[in-house]
Structures are given as structure tokens and as C-alpha cells.
């Protein structure tokens, strides 16, 4: 094989290798561009979902705020002038009916948001206020079952215990709450359980146990939102 032929063979192999590498590079470049484009698309989709959810939650919170303003609006009193600003109603029934509609709107339009969950608890409260304790209890029990990890479930549990105490189950609830107090990880904070126990003892006509529960709140949970009222009810005076 002469020198020129050997050179041509080497040249051909070199061209072939470069061609192959070039083809691989182009293929890899296309792959990288595809991956990059896919990553950008995923990021855009993720941002879009986040923006949608964030905007939806903001809108839900605004609608919820309107409903809360309504349920907390004053009722006109005979001989007193009506408020010049904000909503006001002639009767509790009128106010509750208006608020109920707004809370239901939050649920219907913004299901899955924190605002919708809170609206559900307000609806349970309105149901109880209307005299339908059984209906309110069912709503609270359903909320607890469906929202075990929600930050609102504690409030639902507290409301359910309170409802049961006020509807003839004070003795049974007392047993359950004392059992919870003995646990390392109770379903409610200790001060909340003691507040419920005090109420349960009051309903059962046991003032000594009632005062004891309030004293425990004042002594064991001095920073509790129940502490000031607990001191007063326990006859301890201000701290």
C-alpha cells in the first residue's frame, strides 16, 4: 500500500470519526435543547399553576372576608341609630341568612382552598345557631373526617366538643377529655381541653371541678388566650 493510499485511508477514517462525532454532537445538542425547552415548559406550567392557585386563594380570602364581615355585622337596636358604614341588619335571622349565602358562595367557587374550609366551619356554626344541632354536628364530624391534616381541624374538634356538652353529653365528654389530657399527644392543646372541661363541669353543676379546671389554665398555661378569663372564673384575680 503506497503512502498516498495510506494517507487517503487515514483521512477517510478521520472524516468518518469527525462526521460521527459531529452527528452525535448535533443529536446531543438537539437532546439538550429538547430537555432545556422541556424544563422551561415545566417551569412555566409550574409557575402558572402556582400563580393560578395563589390568585384563586387571594380571591377566596377576599370573598371569605366579606362573608365574615356580614356574620359579624351589628343588628339594629330599637332607639339606636344604625351604623353609618358597613353592613347592618334588622334581625339576627336576616344577618345569618345573608352570611350563609356568602359562605356557600365561597365553598362553591373556591373549593379546595383554605378559605372554603373555613367557610364550611362558619356554615356549621350558622346551622347550630338556627337550632339544627344535629345538622351542625354532622357537618363538624364530616369536616374532621375529611380534613385530618388541616390546621383548622382543632377548631372543628373544639366546636364539636362544645356542641356535645351543650346538648346533653357533658358527662361523656368529660370522660373523653380527661382521657385526652392523660395522653402524650392529645387531639387538642391542654389549655383548650381544660377550657372545655370547665364548661362541662359547669353544665353538670360541679363548681369545685369547674374552678379547678380554670385554676389549672391560669397556673399551667399563663400565656393562654383563656388565662385572663380563667383567673377571673377561678376567683384568683388579675395576675
Protein backbone atom coordinates (compact mmCIF):
# COMPACT_ATOMS: atom_id res chain seq x y z
CA UNK A 1 0.00 0.00 0.00
CA UNK A 2 1.61 3.31 -1.11
CA UNK A 3 1.94 6.39 1.05
CA UNK A 4 -0.87 8.29 -0.70
CA UNK A 5 -3.29 5.42 -0.30
CA UNK A 6 -2.44 5.13 3.40
CA UNK A 7 -2.96 8.88 3.74
CA UNK A 8 -6.32 8.64 1.99
CA UNK A 9 -7.42 5.85 4.32
CA UNK A 10 -6.36 7.83 7.40
CA UNK A 11 -8.09 10.89 6.00
CA UNK A 12 -11.27 8.94 5.32
CA UNK A 13 -11.28 7.50 8.84
CA UNK A 14 -10.64 10.94 10.27
CA UNK A 15 -13.53 12.35 8.26
CA UNK A 16 -15.71 9.43 9.32
CA UNK A 17 -14.84 9.93 13.01
CA UNK A 18 -15.38 13.67 12.81
CA UNK A 19 -18.64 13.08 10.97
CA UNK A 20 -19.77 10.60 13.58
CA UNK A 21 -18.78 12.91 16.43
CA UNK A 22 -20.49 15.80 14.67
CA UNK A 23 -23.64 13.76 14.24
CA UNK A 24 -23.53 12.77 17.93
CA UNK A 25 -22.91 16.38 18.94
CA UNK A 26 -25.83 17.56 16.84
CA UNK A 27 -28.01 14.80 18.26
CA UNK A 28 -26.90 15.67 21.80
CA UNK A 29 -27.45 19.34 21.08
CA UNK A 30 -30.97 18.59 19.91
CA UNK A 31 -31.49 16.46 23.01
CA UNK A 32 -30.16 19.21 25.28
CA UNK A 33 -32.29 21.79 23.53
CA UNK A 34 -35.30 19.50 23.88
CA UNK A 35 -34.54 18.95 27.58
CA UNK A 36 -33.97 22.67 28.12
CA UNK A 37 -37.19 23.51 26.32
CA UNK A 38 -38.99 20.88 28.38
CA UNK A 39 -37.55 22.29 31.61
CA UNK A 40 -38.63 25.79 30.64
CA UNK A 41 -42.09 24.49 29.76
CA UNK A 42 -42.36 22.66 33.09
CA UNK A 43 -41.20 25.78 34.93
CA UNK A 44 -43.75 27.90 33.08
CA UNK A 45 -46.51 25.39 33.82
CA UNK A 46 -45.48 25.21 37.49
CA UNK A 47 -45.43 28.99 37.74
CA UNK A 48 -48.78 29.17 36.00
CA UNK A 49 -50.28 26.65 38.43
CA UNK A 50 -48.74 28.49 41.39
CA UNK A 51 -49.97 31.86 40.11
CA UNK A 52 -53.45 30.43 39.47
CA UNK A 53 -53.64 28.87 42.92
CA UNK A 54 -52.24 31.96 44.61
CA UNK A 55 -54.65 34.26 42.80
CA UNK A 56 -57.54 31.89 43.46
CA UNK A 57 -56.72 31.72 47.18
CA UNK A 58 -56.44 35.52 47.33
CA UNK A 59 -59.85 35.88 45.69
CA UNK A 60 -61.26 33.25 48.03
CA UNK A 61 -59.90 35.09 51.07
CA UNK A 62 -61.49 38.33 49.90
CA UNK A 63 -64.84 36.60 49.45
CA UNK A 64 -64.45 34.97 52.87
CA UNK A 65 -63.66 38.34 54.48
CA UNK A 66 -66.90 39.75 53.07
CA UNK A 67 -68.84 36.80 54.49
CA UNK A 68 -67.19 37.19 57.92
CA UNK A 69 -67.93 40.93 57.93
CA UNK A 70 -71.55 40.01 57.27
CA UNK A 71 -71.87 37.39 60.03
CA UNK A 72 -70.25 39.83 62.49
CA UNK A 73 -72.30 42.83 61.36
CA UNK A 74 -74.42 44.59 64.01
CA UNK A 75 -78.15 44.07 64.32
CA UNK A 76 -80.22 47.25 64.57
CA UNK A 77 -81.35 48.04 68.10
CA UNK A 78 -84.59 49.90 68.87
CA UNK A 79 -83.98 53.53 69.67
CA UNK A 80 -80.38 53.45 68.46
CA UNK A 81 -79.16 54.87 65.15
CA UNK A 82 -77.99 52.39 62.54
CA UNK A 83 -74.25 52.35 61.76
CA UNK A 84 -73.26 54.77 59.01
CA UNK A 85 -70.70 52.40 57.49
CA UNK A 86 -70.55 48.67 56.90
CA UNK A 87 -73.38 46.15 56.72
CA UNK A 88 -76.13 46.03 59.34
CA UNK A 89 -79.35 44.06 59.61
CA UNK A 90 -82.75 44.30 61.22
CA UNK A 91 -82.65 40.81 62.77
CA UNK A 92 -80.20 38.00 63.53
CA UNK A 93 -82.09 35.78 61.13
CA UNK A 94 -81.68 38.26 58.30
CA UNK A 95 -77.97 38.62 59.02
CA UNK A 96 -77.38 34.87 59.24
CA UNK A 97 -79.26 34.23 56.00
CA UNK A 98 -77.15 36.82 54.16
CA UNK A 99 -73.92 35.43 55.61
CA UNK A 100 -74.91 31.84 54.86
CA UNK A 101 -75.35 32.68 51.18
CA UNK A 102 -71.90 34.30 51.04
CA UNK A 103 -70.20 31.38 52.81
CA UNK A 104 -71.87 28.93 50.43
CA UNK A 105 -70.63 31.02 47.50
CA UNK A 106 -67.07 30.72 48.83
CA UNK A 107 -67.46 26.95 49.03
CA UNK A 108 -68.94 26.66 45.55
CA UNK A 109 -66.50 28.97 43.74
CA UNK A 110 -63.28 28.20 45.62
CA UNK A 111 -63.48 24.56 46.69
CA UNK A 112 -60.15 23.16 47.86
CA UNK A 113 -58.90 26.47 49.29
CA UNK A 114 -58.28 27.26 52.95
CA UNK A 115 -60.99 29.90 52.69
CA UNK A 116 -63.52 27.29 51.57
CA UNK A 117 -62.57 25.07 54.52
CA UNK A 118 -63.10 27.93 56.95
CA UNK A 119 -66.39 28.80 55.27
CA UNK A 120 -67.52 25.24 55.98
CA UNK A 121 -66.94 25.75 59.71
CA UNK A 122 -68.88 29.02 59.68
CA UNK A 123 -71.75 27.24 57.94
CA UNK A 124 -71.77 24.64 60.72
CA UNK A 125 -71.95 27.48 63.26
CA UNK A 126 -74.87 29.08 61.39
CA UNK A 127 -76.64 25.72 61.24
CA UNK A 128 -76.35 25.34 65.02
CA UNK A 129 -77.50 28.95 65.59
CA UNK A 130 -80.59 28.16 63.52
CA UNK A 131 -81.45 25.45 66.05
CA UNK A 132 -80.29 22.48 63.99
CA UNK A 133 -77.75 21.00 66.40
CA UNK A 134 -77.87 17.59 64.72
CA UNK A 135 -77.14 19.13 61.33
CA UNK A 136 -74.30 21.22 62.75
CA UNK A 137 -72.82 18.18 64.46
CA UNK A 138 -72.92 16.19 61.24
CA UNK A 139 -71.13 18.99 59.40
CA UNK A 140 -68.40 19.21 62.05
CA UNK A 141 -67.89 15.44 62.13
CA UNK A 142 -67.66 15.37 58.34
CA UNK A 143 -65.11 18.20 58.37
CA UNK A 144 -62.94 16.38 60.92
CA UNK A 145 -63.05 13.15 58.89
CA UNK A 146 -62.18 14.92 55.62
CA UNK A 147 -59.54 17.36 56.93
CA UNK A 148 -57.44 15.37 59.40
CA UNK A 149 -54.26 17.29 58.50
CA UNK A 150 -55.83 20.73 58.21
CA UNK A 151 -54.77 23.47 60.62
CA UNK A 152 -58.49 24.11 61.11
CA UNK A 153 -59.32 20.63 62.41
CA UNK A 154 -58.51 21.65 66.00
CA UNK A 155 -61.15 24.37 65.86
CA UNK A 156 -63.65 21.89 64.47
CA UNK A 157 -62.92 19.42 67.27
CA UNK A 158 -63.30 22.16 69.89
CA UNK A 159 -66.64 23.25 68.41
CA UNK A 160 -67.86 19.65 68.28
CA UNK A 161 -66.99 19.01 71.93
CA UNK A 162 -68.68 22.27 72.90
CA UNK A 163 -71.79 21.35 70.92
CA UNK A 164 -71.98 17.94 72.58
CA UNK A 165 -71.59 19.48 76.05
CA UNK A 166 -74.45 21.87 75.36
CA UNK A 167 -76.67 19.08 74.06
CA UNK A 168 -76.76 16.60 76.93
CA UNK A 169 -73.39 14.83 76.57
CA UNK A 170 -71.41 16.75 79.20
CA UNK A 171 -70.72 13.65 81.33
CA UNK A 172 -69.49 11.57 78.39
CA UNK A 173 -67.39 14.42 77.02
CA UNK A 174 -65.82 14.90 80.48
CA UNK A 175 -64.62 11.29 80.41
CA UNK A 176 -63.22 11.70 76.89
CA UNK A 177 -61.46 14.98 77.69
CA UNK A 178 -59.84 13.63 80.85
CA UNK A 179 -58.59 10.68 78.80
CA UNK A 180 -57.12 13.10 76.24
CA UNK A 181 -55.37 15.09 78.99
CA UNK A 182 -53.58 11.90 80.06
CA UNK A 183 -52.16 11.32 76.56
CA UNK A 184 -48.70 12.44 75.44
CA UNK A 185 -50.19 13.78 72.21
CA UNK A 186 -53.81 14.86 72.81
CA UNK A 187 -56.10 15.93 69.97
CA UNK A 188 -56.25 19.49 71.36
CA UNK A 189 -53.83 21.71 73.31
CA UNK A 190 -54.01 21.33 77.08
CA UNK A 191 -55.50 24.76 77.73
CA UNK A 192 -58.27 24.10 75.20
CA UNK A 193 -59.11 20.78 76.84
CA UNK A 194 -59.20 22.39 80.29
CA UNK A 195 -61.45 25.16 78.99
CA UNK A 196 -63.86 22.55 77.66
CA UNK A 197 -63.66 20.59 80.92
CA UNK A 198 -64.52 23.72 82.91
CA UNK A 199 -67.56 24.25 80.70
CA UNK A 200 -68.58 20.60 81.03
CA UNK A 201 -68.33 20.74 84.84
CA UNK A 202 -70.35 23.96 84.84
CA UNK A 203 -73.13 22.30 82.82
CA UNK A 204 -73.09 19.33 85.22
CA UNK A 205 -73.37 21.64 88.25
CA UNK A 206 -69.93 20.90 89.69
CA UNK A 207 -68.47 24.33 90.62
CA UNK A 208 -65.48 22.89 92.52
CA UNK A 209 -64.26 20.94 89.49
CA UNK A 210 -65.05 23.91 87.27
CA UNK A 211 -62.85 26.24 89.36
CA UNK A 212 -60.10 23.62 89.50
CA UNK A 213 -60.01 23.45 85.69
CA UNK A 214 -59.81 27.24 85.46
CA UNK A 215 -57.03 27.36 88.08
CA UNK A 216 -55.04 24.85 86.06
CA UNK A 217 -55.35 27.03 82.96
CA UNK A 218 -54.14 30.09 84.88
CA UNK A 219 -51.24 28.24 86.55
CA UNK A 220 -50.12 25.82 83.83
CA UNK A 221 -50.86 27.96 80.76
CA UNK A 222 -50.30 31.62 81.80
CA UNK A 223 -49.85 32.69 78.16
CA UNK A 224 -53.07 31.02 77.02
CA UNK A 225 -55.78 33.18 75.46
CA UNK A 226 -58.06 31.61 78.09
CA UNK A 227 -55.80 32.64 81.01
CA UNK A 228 -57.31 36.03 81.92
CA UNK A 229 -60.88 34.73 81.91
CA UNK A 230 -59.74 31.59 83.76
CA UNK A 231 -58.22 33.70 86.56
CA UNK A 232 -61.47 35.60 86.95
CA UNK A 233 -63.63 32.48 86.94
CA UNK A 234 -61.34 30.70 89.39
CA UNK A 235 -61.57 33.68 91.75
CA UNK A 236 -57.82 34.29 91.54
CA UNK A 237 -57.98 37.94 90.49
CA UNK A 238 -55.62 39.51 87.96
CA UNK A 239 -52.07 38.14 87.66
